[in-house]
C-alpha atoms as a PDB file:
ATOM      1  CA  MET A   1     -11.919 -36.004  -5.089  1.00  0.00           C
ATOM      2  CA  THR A   2     -14.498 -35.562  -2.268  1.00  0.00           C
ATOM      3  CA  ASP A   3     -18.371 -35.832  -2.749  1.00  0.00           C
ATOM      4  CA  HIS A   4     -19.001 -32.396  -3.251  1.00  0.00           C
ATOM      5  CA  ASP A   5     -16.191 -32.099  -5.686  1.00  0.00           C
ATOM      6  CA  LYS A   6     -18.145 -35.028  -7.387  1.00  0.00           C
ATOM      7  CA  HIS A   7     -20.857 -32.987  -7.758  1.00  0.00           C
ATOM      8  CA  SER A   8     -19.560 -29.684  -8.963  1.00  0.00           C
ATOM      9  CA  HIS A   9     -19.521 -28.166 -11.894  1.00  0.00           C
ATOM     10  CA  PRO A  10     -15.820 -28.510 -13.006  1.00  0.00           C
ATOM     11  CA  PHE A  11     -16.512 -24.507 -14.168  1.00  0.00           C
ATOM     12  CA  LEU A  12     -16.676 -23.192 -10.681  1.00  0.00           C
ATOM     13  CA  ARG A  13     -14.310 -26.569  -9.231  1.00  0.00           C
ATOM     14  CA  ALA A  14     -11.445 -24.221 -12.370  1.00  0.00           C
ATOM     15  CA  ILE A  15     -11.828 -20.909 -10.820  1.00  0.00           C
ATOM     16  CA  LEU A  16     -12.344 -21.568  -7.582  1.00  0.00           C
ATOM     17  CA  PRO A  17      -9.500 -21.112  -4.773  1.00  0.00           C
ATOM     18  CA  PRO A  18      -8.876 -24.379  -2.815  1.00  0.00           C
ATOM     19  CA  PRO A  19      -9.949 -24.291   0.858  1.00  0.00           C
ATOM     20  CA  GLN A  20      -7.705 -22.967   2.506  1.00  0.00           C
ATOM     21  CA  ARG A  21      -5.276 -23.770   5.161  1.00  0.00           C
ATOM     22  CA  LYS A  22      -4.191 -22.118   8.135  1.00  0.00           C
ATOM     23  CA  LYS A  23      -0.511 -21.233   6.449  1.00  0.00           C
ATOM     24  CA  ASN A  24      -2.058 -20.923   3.471  1.00  0.00           C
ATOM     25  CA  LYS A  25      -4.196 -17.511   5.542  1.00  0.00           C
ATOM     26  CA  GLU A  26      -1.189 -16.972   7.489  1.00  0.00           C
ATOM     27  CA  ASP A  27       0.906 -16.346   4.228  1.00  0.00           C
ATOM     28  CA  ARG A  28      -1.522 -14.436   2.709  1.00  0.00           C
ATOM     29  CA  LEU A  29      -2.153 -11.894   6.072  1.00  0.00           C
ATOM     30  CA  LYS A  30       1.987 -11.848   5.862  1.00  0.00           C
ATOM     31  CA  ALA A  31       1.857 -10.240   2.568  1.00  0.00           C
ATOM     32  CA  ILE A  32      -1.107  -7.952   3.040  1.00  0.00           C
ATOM     33  CA  ALA A  33       1.144  -6.476   6.244  1.00  0.00           C
ATOM     34  CA  ALA A  34       4.690  -6.830   4.125  1.00  0.00           C
ATOM     35  CA  ALA A  35       2.518  -4.426   1.088  1.00  0.00           C
ATOM     36  CA  PHE A  36       1.055  -1.919   3.668  1.00  0.00           C
ATOM     37  CA  GLN A  37       4.725  -1.676   5.156  1.00  0.00           C
ATOM     38  CA  THR A  38       6.082  -0.991   1.729  1.00  0.00           C
ATOM     39  CA  VAL A  39       4.108   1.285   0.759  1.00  0.00           C
ATOM     40  CA  ALA A  40       4.163   2.741   4.067  1.00  0.00           C
ATOM     41  CA  LEU A  41       8.423   3.390   3.501  1.00  0.00           C
ATOM     42  CA  SER A  42       7.310   4.136   0.432  1.00  0.00           C
ATOM     43  CA  ILE A  43       4.963   7.966   1.148  1.00  0.00           C
ATOM     44  CA  VAL A  44       8.337   7.903   3.348  1.00  0.00           C
ATOM     45  CA  ALA A  45      10.843   8.182   1.613  1.00  0.00           C
ATOM     46  CA  VAL A  46       8.934  10.570  -2.138  1.00  0.00           C
ATOM     47  CA  GLY A  47       7.653  12.748   1.399  1.00  0.00           C
ATOM     48  CA  LEU A  48       9.946  13.354   3.455  1.00  0.00           C
ATOM     49  CA  ILE A  49      13.628  12.441   2.951  1.00  0.00           C
ATOM     50  CA  THR A  50      13.826  12.726  -0.692  1.00  0.00           C
ATOM     51  CA  PRO A  51      12.491  17.051  -0.483  1.00  0.00           C
ATOM     52  CA  ILE A  52      15.219  17.039   1.748  1.00  0.00           C
ATOM     53  CA  PHE A  53      18.036  15.732  -1.574  1.00  0.00           C
ATOM     54  CA  ASN A  54      15.935  19.080  -3.946  1.00  0.00           C
ATOM     55  CA  ALA A  55      16.495  22.263  -2.529  1.00  0.00           C
ATOM     56  CA  PRO A  56      13.732  24.261  -5.373  1.00  0.00           C
ATOM     57  CA  GLN A  57      11.062  22.407  -3.333  1.00  0.00           C
ATOM     58  CA  THR A  58      10.107  23.234  -0.024  1.00  0.00           C
ATOM     59  CA  ILE A  59       7.967  21.192   2.718  1.00  0.00           C
ATOM     60  CA  THR A  60       5.882  23.092   4.695  1.00  0.00           C
ATOM     61  CA  PRO A  61       5.278  21.542   8.101  1.00  0.00           C
ATOM     62  CA  GLN A  62       1.239  20.401   6.382  1.00  0.00           C
ATOM     63  CA  LYS A  63       3.482  17.752   4.069  1.00  0.00           C
ATOM     64  CA  VAL A  64       5.619  16.642   6.328  1.00  0.00           C
ATOM     65  CA  TRP A  65       2.598  15.981   8.341  1.00  0.00           C
ATOM     66  CA  SER A  66       0.061  14.769   6.459  1.00  0.00           C
ATOM     67  CA  ALA A  67       2.626  11.970   5.714  1.00  0.00           C
ATOM     68  CA  LEU A  68       4.004  11.060   8.603  1.00  0.00           C
ATOM     69  CA  VAL A  69      -0.059  10.257   9.215  1.00  0.00           C
ATOM     70  CA  PHE A  70      -0.820   8.738   6.386  1.00  0.00           C
ATOM     71  CA  ALA A  71       2.675   6.886   6.559  1.00  0.00           C
ATOM     72  CA  SER A  72       1.180   5.469   9.847  1.00  0.00           C
ATOM     73  CA  THR A  73      -2.138   4.764   9.116  1.00  0.00           C
ATOM     74  CA  LEU A  74      -0.246   1.972   6.685  1.00  0.00           C
ATOM     75  CA  GLU A  75       1.606   0.930   9.916  1.00  0.00           C
ATOM     76  CA  ILE A  76      -0.907   0.786  12.049  1.00  0.00           C
ATOM     77  CA  LEU A  77      -3.014  -1.350   9.199  1.00  0.00           C
ATOM     78  CA  SER A  78      -0.324  -3.911   9.038  1.00  0.00           C
ATOM     79  CA  LEU A  79       0.167  -4.672  12.686  1.00  0.00           C
ATOM     80  CA  LEU A  80      -3.660  -5.181  12.616  1.00  0.00           C
ATOM     81  CA  PHE A  81      -2.757  -7.698   9.733  1.00  0.00           C
ATOM     82  CA  LEU A  82      -0.662  -9.464  11.828  1.00  0.00           C
ATOM     83  CA  LEU A  83      -1.927  -9.456  14.953  1.00  0.00           C
ATOM     84  CA  TYR A  84      -4.723 -11.924  12.830  1.00  0.00           C
ATOM     85  CA  ILE A  85      -1.970 -14.681  12.863  1.00  0.00           C
ATOM     86  CA  PRO A  86      -1.929 -17.546  15.534  1.00  0.00           C
ATOM     87  CA  TYR A  87       0.776 -17.325  17.702  1.00  0.00           C
ATOM     88  CA  ASN A  88       1.458 -20.941  18.346  1.00  0.00           C
ATOM     89  CA  ASP A  89       4.557 -21.890  20.216  1.00  0.00           C
ATOM     90  CA  THR A  90       4.944 -25.601  20.126  1.00  0.00           C
ATOM     91  CA  GLU A  91       6.481 -24.393  16.463  1.00  0.00           C
ATOM     92  CA  GLU A  92       9.310 -22.579  17.773  1.00  0.00           C
ATOM     93  CA  GLY A  93      12.113 -25.296  18.368  1.00  0.00           C
END
């Protein structure tokens, strides 16, 4: 326990997360990027692939473009989160 921990309020120590390490930040960024990629894939599946198999529902160009634009935006956001992960070539072996 550091000197700062001894003087801080016990309630604050209980609710606040511990200091982040480099690996914690990297894992959180990867998790956020994976979530964005999962949602983008779901949008493509629900907006484009599922209507192909349902005959009564028609696919309009507006639906196709809106699904593609929204999925592409989420994919770009996931790639931006992955860019914040520093590349360290000394860890690979």
